[in-house]
């Protein structure tokens, strides 16, 4: 039997001898949320790349209009 320290919903820590029982329903929801967040990050990184390319293009246009090299 293994003794574990567990934090309850009220934030209080207590000692238990009960084995850990994962909540697979909650885990599935968390995995789905992480997948949505990863997709959102990927989308934002793509948008950032596009905007950076647009900025570089505008800087080139400004250089061309002002005659700078």
N, C-alpha and C. Protein backbone atom coordinates (compact mmCIF):
# COMPACT_ATOMS: atom_id res chain seq x y z
N UNK A 1 0.85 -1.18 0.00
CA UNK A 1 0.00 0.00 0.00
C UNK A 1 0.89 1.24 0.00
N UNK A 2 0.60 2.18 -0.87
CA UNK A 2 1.39 3.39 -1.00
C UNK A 2 0.64 4.57 -0.38
N UNK A 3 1.35 5.35 0.39
CA UNK A 3 0.76 6.55 0.98
C UNK A 3 1.04 7.72 0.05
N UNK A 4 -0.01 8.50 -0.22
CA UNK A 4 0.14 9.66 -1.11
C UNK A 4 -0.39 10.90 -0.40
N UNK A 5 0.13 12.05 -0.79
CA UNK A 5 -0.41 13.32 -0.33
C UNK A 5 -1.26 13.87 -1.46
N UNK A 6 -2.50 14.21 -1.16
CA UNK A 6 -3.46 14.66 -2.16
C UNK A 6 -3.97 16.03 -1.75
N UNK A 7 -4.17 16.91 -2.73
CA UNK A 7 -4.78 18.21 -2.47
C UNK A 7 -6.25 18.13 -2.82
N UNK A 8 -7.10 18.40 -1.85
CA UNK A 8 -8.54 18.35 -2.07
C UNK A 8 -9.04 19.56 -2.83
N UNK A 9 -10.31 19.54 -3.20
CA UNK A 9 -10.93 20.63 -3.95
C UNK A 9 -10.89 21.93 -3.17
N UNK A 10 -10.85 21.84 -1.86
CA UNK A 10 -10.81 23.04 -1.01
C UNK A 10 -9.39 23.55 -0.81
N UNK A 11 -8.40 22.87 -1.41
CA UNK A 11 -7.02 23.31 -1.33
C UNK A 11 -6.26 22.72 -0.15
N UNK A 12 -6.93 21.95 0.69
CA UNK A 12 -6.29 21.36 1.86
C UNK A 12 -5.63 20.05 1.46
N UNK A 13 -4.39 19.86 1.93
CA UNK A 13 -3.66 18.63 1.63
C UNK A 13 -3.98 17.59 2.70
N UNK A 14 -4.09 16.35 2.25
CA UNK A 14 -4.32 15.27 3.19
C UNK A 14 -3.62 14.01 2.71
N UNK A 15 -3.45 13.07 3.61
CA UNK A 15 -2.75 11.82 3.30
C UNK A 15 -3.78 10.74 3.05
N UNK A 16 -3.53 9.95 2.01
CA UNK A 16 -4.44 8.85 1.70
C UNK A 16 -3.65 7.60 1.36
N UNK A 17 -4.25 6.46 1.62
CA UNK A 17 -3.66 5.18 1.24
C UNK A 17 -4.37 4.58 0.04
N UNK A 18 -5.37 5.30 -0.47
CA UNK A 18 -6.12 4.81 -1.62
C UNK A 18 -5.27 4.90 -2.89
N UNK A 19 -5.37 3.90 -3.75
CA UNK A 19 -4.60 3.96 -5.00
C UNK A 19 -5.14 5.06 -5.92
N UNK A 20 -4.27 5.56 -6.75
CA UNK A 20 -4.67 6.59 -7.70
C UNK A 20 -5.58 5.99 -8.76
N UNK A 21 -6.71 6.62 -9.00
CA UNK A 21 -7.65 6.18 -10.02
C UNK A 21 -7.85 7.32 -11.01
N UNK A 22 -7.24 7.22 -12.19
CA UNK A 22 -7.38 8.31 -13.15
C UNK A 22 -8.82 8.47 -13.63
N UNK A 23 -9.20 9.70 -13.86
CA UNK A 23 -10.53 10.01 -14.39
C UNK A 23 -10.38 10.18 -15.90
N UNK A 24 -10.65 9.12 -16.64
CA UNK A 24 -10.41 9.14 -18.09
C UNK A 24 -11.36 10.07 -18.82
N UNK A 25 -12.54 10.31 -18.30
CA UNK A 25 -13.47 11.24 -18.94
C UNK A 25 -12.90 12.66 -18.90
N UNK A 26 -12.39 13.06 -17.74
CA UNK A 26 -11.78 14.38 -17.61
C UNK A 26 -10.52 14.46 -18.47
N UNK A 27 -9.75 13.39 -18.49
CA UNK A 27 -8.52 13.37 -19.27
C UNK A 27 -8.83 13.56 -20.76
N UNK A 28 -9.88 12.92 -21.25
CA UNK A 28 -10.25 13.05 -22.66
C UNK A 28 -10.62 14.49 -22.99
N UNK A 29 -11.35 15.15 -22.10
CA UNK A 29 -11.73 16.54 -22.32
C UNK A 29 -10.49 17.42 -22.35
N UNK A 30 -9.55 17.16 -21.45
CA UNK A 30 -8.32 17.96 -21.41
C UNK A 30 -7.48 17.74 -22.66
N UNK A 31 -7.42 16.52 -23.16
CA UNK A 31 -6.67 16.24 -24.38
C UNK A 31 -7.30 16.98 -25.56
N UNK A 32 -8.62 16.96 -25.64
CA UNK A 32 -9.30 17.70 -26.71
C UNK A 32 -9.00 19.19 -26.62
N UNK A 33 -9.02 19.73 -25.43
CA UNK A 33 -8.73 21.16 -25.25
C UNK A 33 -7.29 21.47 -25.65
N UNK A 34 -6.36 20.59 -25.29
CA UNK A 34 -4.96 20.81 -25.67
C UNK A 34 -4.81 20.75 -27.19
N UNK A 35 -5.54 19.86 -27.84
CA UNK A 35 -5.48 19.78 -29.31
C UNK A 35 -6.04 21.05 -29.95
N UNK A 36 -7.13 21.58 -29.39
CA UNK A 36 -7.68 22.84 -29.91
C UNK A 36 -6.69 23.98 -29.72
N UNK A 37 -6.05 24.01 -28.55
CA UNK A 37 -5.07 25.07 -28.28
C UNK A 37 -3.87 24.95 -29.21
N UNK A 38 -3.41 23.73 -29.47
CA UNK A 38 -2.28 23.52 -30.38
C UNK A 38 -2.63 23.99 -31.79
N UNK A 39 -3.85 23.70 -32.24
CA UNK A 39 -4.29 24.15 -33.56
C UNK A 39 -4.35 25.67 -33.61
N UNK A 40 -4.85 26.29 -32.54
CA UNK A 40 -4.93 27.76 -32.48
C UNK A 40 -3.54 28.38 -32.53
N UNK A 41 -2.60 27.80 -31.81
CA UNK A 41 -1.22 28.30 -31.82
C UNK A 41 -0.65 28.18 -33.22
N UNK A 42 -0.90 27.05 -33.87
CA UNK A 42 -0.42 26.85 -35.24
C UNK A 42 -0.99 27.91 -36.17
N UNK A 43 -2.29 28.19 -36.04
CA UNK A 43 -2.94 29.21 -36.87
C UNK A 43 -2.35 30.59 -36.62
N UNK A 44 -2.10 30.91 -35.35
CA UNK A 44 -1.54 32.22 -35.01
C UNK A 44 -0.10 32.36 -35.51
N UNK A 45 0.66 31.28 -35.44
CA UNK A 45 2.03 31.32 -35.96
C UNK A 45 2.03 31.55 -37.47
N UNK A 46 1.08 30.92 -38.18
CA UNK A 46 0.97 31.11 -39.62
C UNK A 46 0.60 32.57 -39.92
N UNK A 47 -0.34 33.11 -39.16
CA UNK A 47 -0.75 34.49 -39.35
C UNK A 47 0.41 35.45 -39.08
N UNK A 48 1.19 35.16 -38.05
CA UNK A 48 2.36 35.98 -37.74
C UNK A 48 3.36 35.95 -38.88
N UNK A 49 3.57 34.80 -39.48
CA UNK A 49 4.49 34.69 -40.61
C UNK A 49 3.99 35.50 -41.80
N UNK A 50 2.69 35.41 -42.07
CA UNK A 50 2.10 36.17 -43.18
C UNK A 50 2.26 37.66 -42.94
N UNK A 51 1.96 38.11 -41.72
CA UNK A 51 2.06 39.54 -41.40
C UNK A 51 3.51 40.03 -41.50
N UNK A 52 4.44 39.20 -41.06
CA UNK A 52 5.86 39.57 -41.14
C UNK A 52 6.28 39.73 -42.60
N UNK A 53 5.81 38.82 -43.46
CA UNK A 53 6.12 38.92 -44.88
C UNK A 53 5.50 40.19 -45.48
N UNK A 54 4.29 40.54 -45.05
CA UNK A 54 3.65 41.76 -45.53
C UNK A 54 4.44 43.00 -45.09
N UNK A 55 4.94 42.99 -43.88
CA UNK A 55 5.72 44.12 -43.37
C UNK A 55 7.00 44.28 -44.18
N UNK A 56 7.67 43.17 -44.44
CA UNK A 56 8.91 43.22 -45.23
C UNK A 56 8.59 43.76 -46.63
N UNK A 57 7.49 43.33 -47.22
CA UNK A 57 7.09 43.82 -48.54
C UNK A 57 6.82 45.32 -48.52
N UNK A 58 6.15 45.80 -47.48
CA UNK A 58 5.88 47.24 -47.37
C UNK A 58 7.17 48.03 -47.16
N UNK A 59 8.09 47.47 -46.38
CA UNK A 59 9.38 48.15 -46.19
C UNK A 59 10.12 48.26 -47.52
N UNK A 60 10.06 47.20 -48.33
CA UNK A 60 10.70 47.25 -49.64
C UNK A 60 10.06 48.31 -50.53
N UNK A 61 8.73 48.39 -50.49
CA UNK A 61 8.03 49.41 -51.28
C UNK A 61 8.45 50.81 -50.85
N UNK A 62 8.55 51.04 -49.55
CA UNK A 62 8.95 52.35 -49.05
C UNK A 62 10.36 52.67 -49.52
N UNK A 63 11.26 51.69 -49.46
CA UNK A 63 12.63 51.92 -49.93
C UNK A 63 12.64 52.28 -51.42
N UNK A 64 11.82 51.59 -52.19
CA UNK A 64 11.76 51.87 -53.63
C UNK A 64 11.21 53.27 -53.90
N UNK A 65 10.19 53.68 -53.13
CA UNK A 65 9.59 55.02 -53.34
C UNK A 65 10.52 56.15 -52.90
N UNK A 66 11.32 55.88 -51.87
CA UNK A 66 12.22 56.92 -51.37
C UNK A 66 13.58 56.89 -52.04
N UNK A 67 13.83 55.87 -52.87
CA UNK A 67 15.10 55.77 -53.56
C UNK A 67 16.21 55.21 -52.70
N UNK A 68 15.88 54.65 -51.56
CA UNK A 68 16.91 54.06 -50.70
C UNK A 68 17.29 52.69 -51.22
N UNK A 69 18.46 52.30 -50.93
CA UNK A 69 18.95 50.95 -51.32
C UNK A 69 18.80 50.02 -50.19
